[in-house]
Every structure is written in structure tokens, then in C-alpha cells.
């Protein structure tokens, strides 16, 4: 029964692992190791998670922010997690330590902000926030900041460590790419506007000379071509990042499934080997039990035989004593019987020899008579 319960537990564990590997929402946790100087200050790692989001991944750093992306559903319930792994304070020459976690959640619809929430937590390395995506929102931007303040007598460790993260969760992952492209387009338009102003100045300067106008125009054309080439390269890079993220995600899923299959196979062979060992152990125990029973039966039989033999010897030793006592009793009884017989004979003789006399008159009586012949008295 106990062995069957263990097997059921192992099967359930394997099923849970397979389920976790198959469901993207459960495999969304991303752990990132910060830069070397932060690790030296005791900031070992930062784990971010958006439970309920699909294809949650880290794509790189942009404008001092670490960017994460994922896909959500309208009205979905998201659990945002920020967990910092810190070294033990006793392992560093610190006199004190404080930390602050800030999280700003912005819900957008078509680029327009429809809801904004801010959260703050002091002296906690773990932050968990349950958030429901507003109806109609197609993008969720989460700005996260974690600040670690170390206090030490050594200047090297008396530092302030800060990491900034941005989570871009959208109903369609292309929305995040489009948002980035739009921001680049706006910057390009601004640059074009600046160039236009310069061109206007150039046009104003054109009245003074045609050669300067031609040089300015040719320079603007070359700059516009360079901007177009740069935008094309950026779009290719974004596509490459997206494909890279997808490949990385697929590789992670494949590795997770392979690990689960390996664990399941190892567990199966382990249970099989353990079951065989248990069967061998039980067989050895059964044989040992039978051997002990045979030994006990043989000992009991030997003990019984010894008792019977001892009883027979004792009985043989008692027989001469009983016979001698019996003979003595016979010898004692014989003289007593002789004396008794002699006494009885003497009594009979006396009765026979003793003459009879009448009690009434005293006359002698004849043997065998019942009445006195002289006076008639009954004898």
C-alpha cells in the first residue's frame, strides 16, 4: 500500500512538471543578473514575472531601462512580480541596508492613457501586485524601479544601487514593435523638421548665391537617405530581436520539455530498480523467516525427545524401589493374617468345646437344643 502511494506521488509530480512546461503562463519568470558593480554591492539577481502573460521575455536595454515584452488578453488578470536576490548582510562590511521598490502601471488604448496606478514598497525585496487589465486596453506599460542603499564605513560599499525596468505587455506583440517604430518615426520627423528649418534658412541664403543653395540641397538629400537607411536597419534589428526572442523562447520550451522527459524517464527507471530491490529484499526476508521456523521446530523436537528420555530413565530408576516396598508390604501382611487365623480358630474351638447351661435353672443343655429340657426356658 505504501509503495503504491509513492508511485502515485511520482506520477502526479511528473504530470505537474509536464503541465508547467506546456503552459506558457507558468514559464514566464525571467531572472536577470545585474552588472558586476551591482553584484559586488550585494545585488545578486533580479527576477521579474507577469503571471497571466504569454511569451514573457527579456529583449535588452534601451535608454537606461531593461525592456521586457509579453502578450496579454483584454480584461485578463495579471500578477506582476518583482523579486530581488540580495546577498546576506553579514557577508559584506555593511552597517545597514535599506531598499525601495516602485512600480507604475499604465494602461493604454491606441496610444492614449486610460488608467494609471502607482505602487511603492519600502524595505521589501519581494513585491507582488494583482492587476486586472481594463476593458478596451491594448497595451500595458509597467515601469519598475528597485533602489538599494548600502551603509558602510568603507566608501566602496557605501553606495546606492538602482535598476530600472520596463514591461511592455500588449494584446498583440506587434503593438510593442509598432510603438517603438512610431517613436523612431517621431524622432525622424523632428529631425526632418529641423532639417526643414535649415533648408528654409538655406533657401533664404539662396538669394545671395546659387552655389550655396546647391550644396545645402545636396547635403540634405544625403542626410535624408542616411536617415531612411538607418530606419530600415532599425526595423531589421527589431525584427531580428523579435525572431531571436521567439527562438530563445522555443529553445527554452524545448529544453524544459526535454528536462521533464529526462526526469520522468529517470524516475521510471529509479522506481523500477527500487521495486526489484524491494522484491529481492522481501524474498531474502521470507527465506530467513522459514529458516528460523525450521530451526525452532528442530529445537522443540530435540527438547521433547530429551524430556521423554529423561522421564523414561526416572521411571526405570523408580521401579526397584516400588517393588521392594511392595514386597515389604506383603511380608508385613502375611504374619498378621496368620495370627488372625489362629485367633479365629481358637475362638471357634472354644465355642465348640464350651458346654451349654440353662440360664433359668442351670441344667446342662444338649448341643443344638433351643429349650431347656428341665425347665423349658428358651436358650
Protein backbone atom coordinates (compact mmCIF):
# COMPACT_ATOMS: atom_id res chain seq x y z
CA UNK A 1 0.00 0.00 0.00
CA UNK A 2 2.78 2.40 0.91
CA UNK A 3 4.64 1.55 -2.31
CA UNK A 4 1.52 2.29 -4.37
CA UNK A 5 1.11 5.68 -2.68
CA UNK A 6 4.71 6.56 -3.53
CA UNK A 7 4.18 5.60 -7.16
CA UNK A 8 1.06 7.78 -7.34
CA UNK A 9 3.02 10.71 -5.91
CA UNK A 10 5.76 10.31 -8.51
CA UNK A 11 3.21 10.15 -11.34
CA UNK A 12 1.50 13.32 -10.07
CA UNK A 13 4.85 15.10 -9.82
CA UNK A 14 5.73 14.21 -13.40
CA UNK A 15 2.27 15.33 -14.57
CA UNK A 16 2.67 18.69 -12.81
CA UNK A 17 6.09 19.22 -14.39
CA UNK A 18 4.70 18.44 -17.83
CA UNK A 19 1.79 20.82 -17.23
CA UNK A 20 4.13 23.60 -16.13
CA UNK A 21 6.30 23.09 -19.20
CA UNK A 22 3.28 23.07 -21.53
CA UNK A 23 1.55 26.20 -20.18
CA UNK A 24 3.41 29.40 -21.16
CA UNK A 25 1.96 31.42 -18.32
CA UNK A 26 3.75 29.29 -15.76
CA UNK A 27 7.11 29.55 -17.51
CA UNK A 28 7.15 33.36 -17.82
CA UNK A 29 9.56 34.05 -14.96
CA UNK A 30 12.75 35.79 -16.11
CA UNK A 31 15.83 36.01 -13.89
CA UNK A 32 18.50 38.55 -14.79
CA UNK A 33 21.92 39.07 -13.26
CA UNK A 34 22.75 42.80 -12.99
CA UNK A 35 26.07 44.41 -13.80
CA UNK A 36 29.27 43.48 -11.99
CA UNK A 37 29.37 46.61 -9.79
CA UNK A 38 25.83 45.91 -8.51
CA UNK A 39 26.70 42.28 -7.78
CA UNK A 40 29.70 43.47 -5.76
CA UNK A 41 27.32 45.60 -3.69
CA UNK A 42 25.23 42.53 -2.82
CA UNK A 43 22.57 42.90 -5.54
CA UNK A 44 22.89 39.38 -6.95
CA UNK A 45 19.90 38.99 -9.25
CA UNK A 46 16.50 40.40 -10.20
CA UNK A 47 13.55 38.20 -11.12
CA UNK A 48 10.55 39.64 -12.97
CA UNK A 49 7.35 37.85 -13.82
CA UNK A 50 4.00 38.67 -15.36
CA UNK A 51 1.82 35.71 -14.48
CA UNK A 52 -1.06 35.52 -16.95
CA UNK A 53 1.02 36.91 -19.82
CA UNK A 54 2.26 34.76 -22.67
CA UNK A 55 5.71 34.80 -24.26
CA UNK A 56 7.12 36.99 -21.48
CA UNK A 57 10.81 37.61 -22.21
CA UNK A 58 13.73 40.00 -21.82
CA UNK A 59 14.83 41.72 -25.04
CA UNK A 60 17.61 44.10 -23.97
CA UNK A 61 18.43 47.56 -22.64
CA UNK A 62 17.18 50.87 -24.05
CA UNK A 63 17.53 54.37 -22.60
CA UNK A 64 18.79 53.06 -19.23
CA UNK A 65 15.76 50.76 -19.00
CA UNK A 66 15.77 46.99 -19.25
CA UNK A 67 12.93 46.10 -21.61
CA UNK A 68 10.62 43.09 -21.23
CA UNK A 69 7.77 42.11 -23.55
CA UNK A 70 4.77 39.83 -23.42
CA UNK A 71 1.28 39.17 -24.77
CA UNK A 72 -1.90 39.64 -22.73
CA UNK A 73 -5.63 39.31 -23.30
CA UNK A 74 -8.13 42.17 -22.83
CA UNK A 75 -9.58 42.07 -19.32
CA UNK A 76 -7.04 39.48 -18.17
CA UNK A 77 -5.85 39.27 -14.58
CA UNK A 78 -2.09 39.78 -14.32
CA UNK A 79 0.15 39.16 -11.33
CA UNK A 80 3.22 41.38 -11.51
CA UNK A 81 6.21 40.11 -9.56
CA UNK A 82 9.49 41.86 -8.79
CA UNK A 83 11.90 39.87 -6.64
CA UNK A 84 15.43 40.98 -5.80
CA UNK A 85 18.00 38.45 -4.61
CA UNK A 86 20.34 40.12 -2.11
CA UNK A 87 23.48 38.78 -0.50
CA UNK A 88 23.46 38.29 3.25
CA UNK A 89 24.27 41.50 5.02
CA UNK A 90 26.77 39.69 7.24
CA UNK A 91 28.75 38.65 4.15
CA UNK A 92 29.55 42.31 3.35
CA UNK A 93 31.12 45.05 5.51
CA UNK A 94 27.78 46.84 5.92
CA UNK A 95 26.40 48.71 8.91
CA UNK A 96 22.90 48.95 7.46
CA UNK A 97 20.78 48.40 4.38
CA UNK A 98 17.50 49.83 3.02
CA UNK A 99 15.66 49.23 -0.23
CA UNK A 100 12.71 50.71 -2.08
CA UNK A 101 10.60 49.17 -4.85
CA UNK A 102 8.41 51.36 -7.08
CA UNK A 103 6.00 50.18 -9.75
CA UNK A 104 3.92 52.30 -12.13
CA UNK A 105 1.28 50.58 -14.28
CA UNK A 106 -0.08 52.50 -17.29
CA UNK A 107 -2.96 51.11 -19.35
CA UNK A 108 -3.26 52.48 -22.90
CA UNK A 109 -5.72 52.23 -25.73
CA UNK A 110 -4.42 53.19 -29.12
CA UNK A 111 -1.56 55.10 -27.52
CA UNK A 112 -3.90 57.06 -25.18
CA UNK A 113 -3.58 56.62 -21.42
CA UNK A 114 -6.84 55.37 -19.89
CA UNK A 115 -5.60 54.34 -16.43
CA UNK A 116 -2.51 54.92 -14.31
CA UNK A 117 -1.61 53.28 -10.97
CA UNK A 118 1.46 53.67 -8.77
CA UNK A 119 2.76 51.33 -6.07
CA UNK A 120 5.61 51.65 -3.61
CA UNK A 121 7.12 49.28 -1.08
CA UNK A 122 9.91 50.04 1.42
CA UNK A 123 12.44 47.55 2.79
CA UNK A 124 10.98 44.62 0.89
CA UNK A 125 12.88 42.70 -1.73
CA UNK A 126 9.70 40.96 -2.96
CA UNK A 127 6.75 42.82 -4.49
CA UNK A 128 3.58 41.10 -5.72
CA UNK A 129 0.76 43.10 -7.35
CA UNK A 130 -2.51 41.70 -8.72
CA UNK A 131 -3.77 43.81 -11.61
CA UNK A 132 -6.78 43.49 -13.91
CA UNK A 133 -6.34 44.85 -17.42
CA UNK A 134 -9.06 47.47 -18.10
CA UNK A 135 -11.60 46.69 -20.79
CA UNK A 136 -10.56 48.12 -24.13
CA UNK A 137 -6.88 48.49 -23.19
CA UNK A 138 -4.50 47.09 -25.79
CA UNK A 139 -1.18 47.93 -24.13
CA UNK A 140 0.08 47.76 -20.57
CA UNK A 141 3.31 49.58 -19.68
CA UNK A 142 4.87 48.77 -16.31
CA UNK A 143 7.77 50.92 -15.10
CA UNK A 144 9.63 49.25 -12.26
CA UNK A 145 12.46 50.71 -10.21
CA UNK A 146 14.40 48.99 -7.44
CA UNK A 147 16.78 51.05 -5.28
CA UNK A 148 19.25 49.51 -2.81
CA UNK A 149 21.01 51.77 -0.29
CA UNK A 150 24.03 50.28 1.43
CA UNK A 151 25.53 51.87 4.52
CA UNK A 152 29.13 51.07 5.32
CA UNK A 153 32.19 52.60 6.90
CA UNK A 154 34.07 51.71 3.74
CA UNK A 155 33.44 54.12 0.89
CA UNK A 156 33.47 51.30 -1.63
CA UNK A 157 30.36 49.70 -0.13
CA UNK A 158 28.59 52.91 0.93
CA UNK A 159 26.75 53.06 -2.40
CA UNK A 160 23.29 53.43 -3.89
CA UNK A 161 22.30 50.79 -6.47
CA UNK A 162 19.41 51.39 -8.87
CA UNK A 163 17.90 49.28 -11.64
CA UNK A 164 15.08 50.40 -13.95
CA UNK A 165 12.85 48.02 -15.89
CA UNK A 166 10.01 48.49 -18.36
CA UNK A 167 7.44 45.82 -19.16
CA UNK A 168 5.51 46.28 -22.40
CA UNK A 169 2.54 43.91 -22.40
CA UNK A 170 0.13 44.15 -25.33
CA UNK A 171 -2.76 42.24 -26.83
CA UNK A 172 -0.59 41.77 -29.90
CA UNK A 173 3.18 41.70 -29.67
CA UNK A 174 3.41 43.71 -32.88
CA UNK A 175 1.93 46.66 -30.98
CA UNK A 176 5.12 47.00 -28.98
CA UNK A 177 7.20 46.95 -32.15
CA UNK A 178 4.86 49.49 -33.71
CA UNK A 179 5.15 51.73 -30.66
CA UNK A 180 8.91 51.63 -30.91
CA UNK A 181 8.75 52.32 -34.65
CA UNK A 182 6.36 55.23 -34.05
CA UNK A 183 8.74 56.72 -31.51
CA UNK A 184 11.55 56.46 -34.04
CA UNK A 185 9.32 57.96 -36.72
CA UNK A 186 8.53 60.88 -34.43
CA UNK A 187 12.23 61.41 -33.79
CA UNK A 188 12.80 61.20 -37.55
CA UNK A 189 10.06 63.73 -38.18
CA UNK A 190 11.60 66.02 -35.63
CA UNK A 191 14.96 65.68 -37.33
CA UNK A 192 13.30 66.30 -40.66
CA UNK A 193 11.65 69.39 -39.20
CA UNK A 194 15.00 70.62 -38.02
CA UNK A 195 16.44 69.94 -41.46
CA UNK A 196 13.49 71.76 -42.99
CA UNK A 197 14.25 74.77 -40.90
CA UNK A 198 17.82 74.60 -42.00
CA UNK A 199 16.63 74.22 -45.55
CA UNK A 200 14.48 77.31 -45.15
CA UNK A 201 17.49 79.15 -43.91
CA UNK A 202 19.31 77.76 -46.86
CA UNK A 203 16.56 78.96 -49.14
CA UNK A 204 16.80 82.37 -47.54
CA UNK A 205 20.53 82.21 -48.14
CA UNK A 206 19.81 81.09 -51.71
CA UNK A 207 19.05 84.64 -52.75
CA UNK A 208 22.64 85.53 -52.14
CA UNK A 209 24.14 82.67 -54.17
CA UNK A 210 23.10 79.60 -56.21
CA UNK A 211 26.21 77.56 -55.36
CA UNK A 212 25.50 77.58 -51.62
CA UNK A 213 21.89 76.54 -52.32
CA UNK A 214 23.04 73.56 -54.38
CA UNK A 215 25.47 72.41 -51.69
CA UNK A 216 22.81 72.68 -48.96
CA UNK A 217 20.26 70.80 -51.03
CA UNK A 218 22.69 68.00 -51.86
CA UNK A 219 23.68 67.72 -48.16
CA UNK A 220 20.01 67.47 -47.09
CA UNK A 221 19.33 64.77 -49.66
CA UNK A 222 22.26 62.70 -48.45
CA UNK A 223 21.11 63.12 -44.83
CA UNK A 224 17.57 62.04 -45.68
CA UNK A 225 18.90 58.96 -47.46
CA UNK A 226 21.04 58.14 -44.42
CA UNK A 227 18.00 58.52 -42.15
CA UNK A 228 15.97 56.22 -44.36
CA UNK A 229 18.76 53.63 -44.35
CA UNK A 230 19.04 53.93 -40.55
CA UNK A 231 15.29 53.41 -40.14
CA UNK A 232 15.43 50.34 -42.37
CA UNK A 233 18.33 48.91 -40.39
CA UNK A 234 16.49 49.59 -37.10
CA UNK A 235 13.40 47.82 -38.39
CA UNK A 236 15.54 44.84 -39.42
CA UNK A 237 17.19 44.85 -36.00
CA UNK A 238 13.78 44.92 -34.28
CA UNK A 239 12.62 42.03 -36.42
CA UNK A 240 15.83 40.20 -35.58
CA UNK A 241 15.28 40.85 -31.87
CA UNK A 242 11.76 39.54 -32.14
CA UNK A 243 12.84 36.42 -34.01
CA UNK A 244 15.69 35.97 -31.55
CA UNK A 245 13.25 36.24 -28.64
CA UNK A 246 10.93 33.73 -30.30
CA UNK A 247 13.78 31.32 -30.98
CA UNK A 248 15.04 31.74 -27.44
CA UNK A 249 11.55 31.08 -26.13
CA UNK A 250 11.22 27.98 -28.27
CA UNK A 251 14.64 26.80 -27.19
CA UNK A 252 13.68 27.28 -23.54
CA UNK A 253 10.43 25.38 -24.02
CA UNK A 254 12.24 22.57 -25.87
CA UNK A 255 14.86 22.37 -23.15
CA UNK A 256 12.18 22.35 -20.45
CA UNK A 257 10.27 19.54 -22.17
CA UNK A 258 13.49 17.57 -22.65
CA UNK A 259 14.37 18.06 -18.98
CA UNK A 260 10.90 16.89 -17.91
CA UNK A 261 11.13 13.83 -20.17
CA UNK A 262 14.57 13.04 -18.77
CA UNK A 263 13.29 13.43 -15.21
CA UNK A 264 10.27 11.24 -15.97
CA UNK A 265 12.47 8.55 -17.56
CA UNK A 266 14.91 8.67 -14.68
CA UNK A 267 12.05 8.44 -12.18
CA UNK A 268 10.60 5.42 -14.02
CA UNK A 269 13.88 3.50 -14.06
CA UNK A 270 14.56 4.50 -10.46
CA UNK A 271 11.15 3.20 -9.35
CA UNK A 272 11.65 0.01 -11.37
CA UNK A 273 15.06 -0.64 -9.85
CA UNK A 274 13.76 0.16 -6.38
CA UNK A 275 10.83 -2.23 -6.86
CA UNK A 276 13.21 -5.03 -7.94
CA UNK A 277 15.44 -4.38 -4.93
CA UNK A 278 12.42 -4.43 -2.66
CA UNK A 279 11.27 -7.77 -4.16
CA UNK A 280 14.74 -9.25 -3.62
CA UNK A 281 14.77 -7.98 -0.03
CA UNK A 282 11.33 -9.45 0.65
CA UNK A 283 12.40 -12.84 -0.82
CA UNK A 284 15.52 -12.90 1.36
CA UNK A 285 13.42 -12.00 4.43
CA UNK A 286 10.91 -14.76 3.60
CA UNK A 287 13.65 -17.39 3.27
CA UNK A 288 15.24 -16.25 6.51
CA UNK A 289 11.87 -16.49 8.25
CA UNK A 290 11.35 -20.06 7.00
CA UNK A 291 14.87 -20.99 8.10
CA UNK A 292 14.26 -19.59 11.60
CA UNK A 293 10.97 -21.52 11.83
CA UNK A 294 12.69 -24.77 10.82
CA UNK A 295 15.40 -24.17 13.42
CA UNK A 296 12.79 -23.53 16.15
CA UNK A 297 10.86 -26.70 15.22
CA UNK A 298 14.04 -28.79 15.32
CA UNK A 299 14.96 -27.36 18.71
CA UNK A 300 11.46 -28.06 20.07
CA UNK A 301 11.62 -31.65 18.79
CA UNK A 302 15.03 -32.21 20.37
CA UNK A 303 13.75 -30.77 23.65
CA UNK A 304 10.69 -33.05 23.56
CA UNK A 305 12.86 -36.13 22.91
CA UNK A 306 15.15 -35.21 25.78
CA UNK A 307 12.20 -34.86 28.13
CA UNK A 308 10.76 -38.24 27.12
CA UNK A 309 14.15 -39.90 27.57
CA UNK A 310 14.59 -38.32 31.00
CA UNK A 311 11.11 -39.43 32.07
CA UNK A 312 11.87 -43.00 30.98
CA UNK A 313 15.15 -43.01 32.90
CA UNK A 314 13.39 -41.70 36.01
CA UNK A 315 10.69 -44.33 35.68
CA UNK A 316 13.28 -47.06 35.38
CA UNK A 317 15.06 -45.74 38.45
CA UNK A 318 11.82 -45.76 40.47
CA UNK A 319 10.80 -49.38 39.64
CA UNK A 320 13.20 -51.25 42.06
CA UNK A 321 12.17 -49.04 44.95
CA UNK A 322 8.45 -49.70 44.31
CA UNK A 323 8.96 -53.44 44.01
CA UNK A 324 10.98 -53.54 47.26
CA UNK A 325 8.28 -51.56 49.07
CA UNK A 326 5.61 -53.92 47.69
CA UNK A 327 7.47 -56.97 48.90
CA UNK A 328 7.91 -55.46 52.33
CA UNK A 329 4.19 -54.82 52.50
CA UNK A 330 3.47 -58.42 51.51
CA UNK A 331 5.82 -59.72 54.21
CA UNK A 332 4.18 -57.46 56.79
CA UNK A 333 0.64 -58.55 55.82
CA UNK A 334 1.36 -62.36 55.92
CA UNK A 335 2.18 -62.71 59.68
CA UNK A 336 -0.80 -60.58 60.58
CA UNK A 337 -3.08 -62.84 58.56
CA UNK A 338 -1.64 -65.94 60.29
CA UNK A 339 -2.21 -64.55 63.76
CA UNK A 340 -5.75 -63.54 62.89
CA UNK A 341 -6.49 -67.04 61.51
CA UNK A 342 -5.13 -68.69 64.62
CA UNK A 343 -7.20 -66.43 66.84
CA UNK A 344 -10.35 -67.27 64.87
CA UNK A 345 -9.59 -70.99 65.13
CA UNK A 346 -9.13 -70.78 68.87
CA UNK A 347 -12.41 -68.90 69.25
CA UNK A 348 -14.27 -71.49 67.24
CA UNK A 349 -12.70 -74.24 69.27
CA UNK A 350 -13.73 -72.56 72.46
CA UNK A 351 -17.25 -72.16 71.14
CA UNK A 352 -17.37 -75.78 70.12
CA UNK A 353 -15.76 -77.07 73.33
CA UNK A 354 -17.66 -74.79 75.74
CA UNK A 355 -20.71 -76.75 77.24
CA UNK A 356 -24.17 -75.06 77.34
CA UNK A 357 -26.12 -74.42 80.63
CA UNK A 358 -29.65 -73.11 81.14
CA UNK A 359 -29.85 -69.60 82.35
CA UNK A 360 -33.01 -70.37 84.23
CA UNK A 361 -32.24 -73.49 86.22
CA UNK A 362 -28.58 -74.07 85.46
CA UNK A 363 -29.15 -77.52 83.99
CA UNK A 364 -26.74 -78.64 81.24
CA UNK A 365 -28.02 -78.27 77.71
CA UNK A 366 -27.56 -80.60 74.85
CA UNK A 367 -25.76 -79.32 71.79
CA UNK A 368 -28.13 -77.88 69.24
CA UNK A 369 -31.16 -77.65 71.62
CA UNK A 370 -33.15 -74.43 71.87
CA UNK A 371 -35.18 -75.06 75.04
CA UNK A 372 -34.11 -76.34 78.42
CA UNK A 373 -35.38 -79.90 78.98
CA UNK A 374 -35.61 -79.30 82.72
CA UNK A 375 -37.47 -76.00 82.96
CA UNK A 376 -38.35 -75.20 79.30
CA UNK A 377 -36.60 -71.85 79.28
CA UNK A 378 -35.65 -70.65 75.84
CA UNK A 379 -31.97 -70.67 75.37
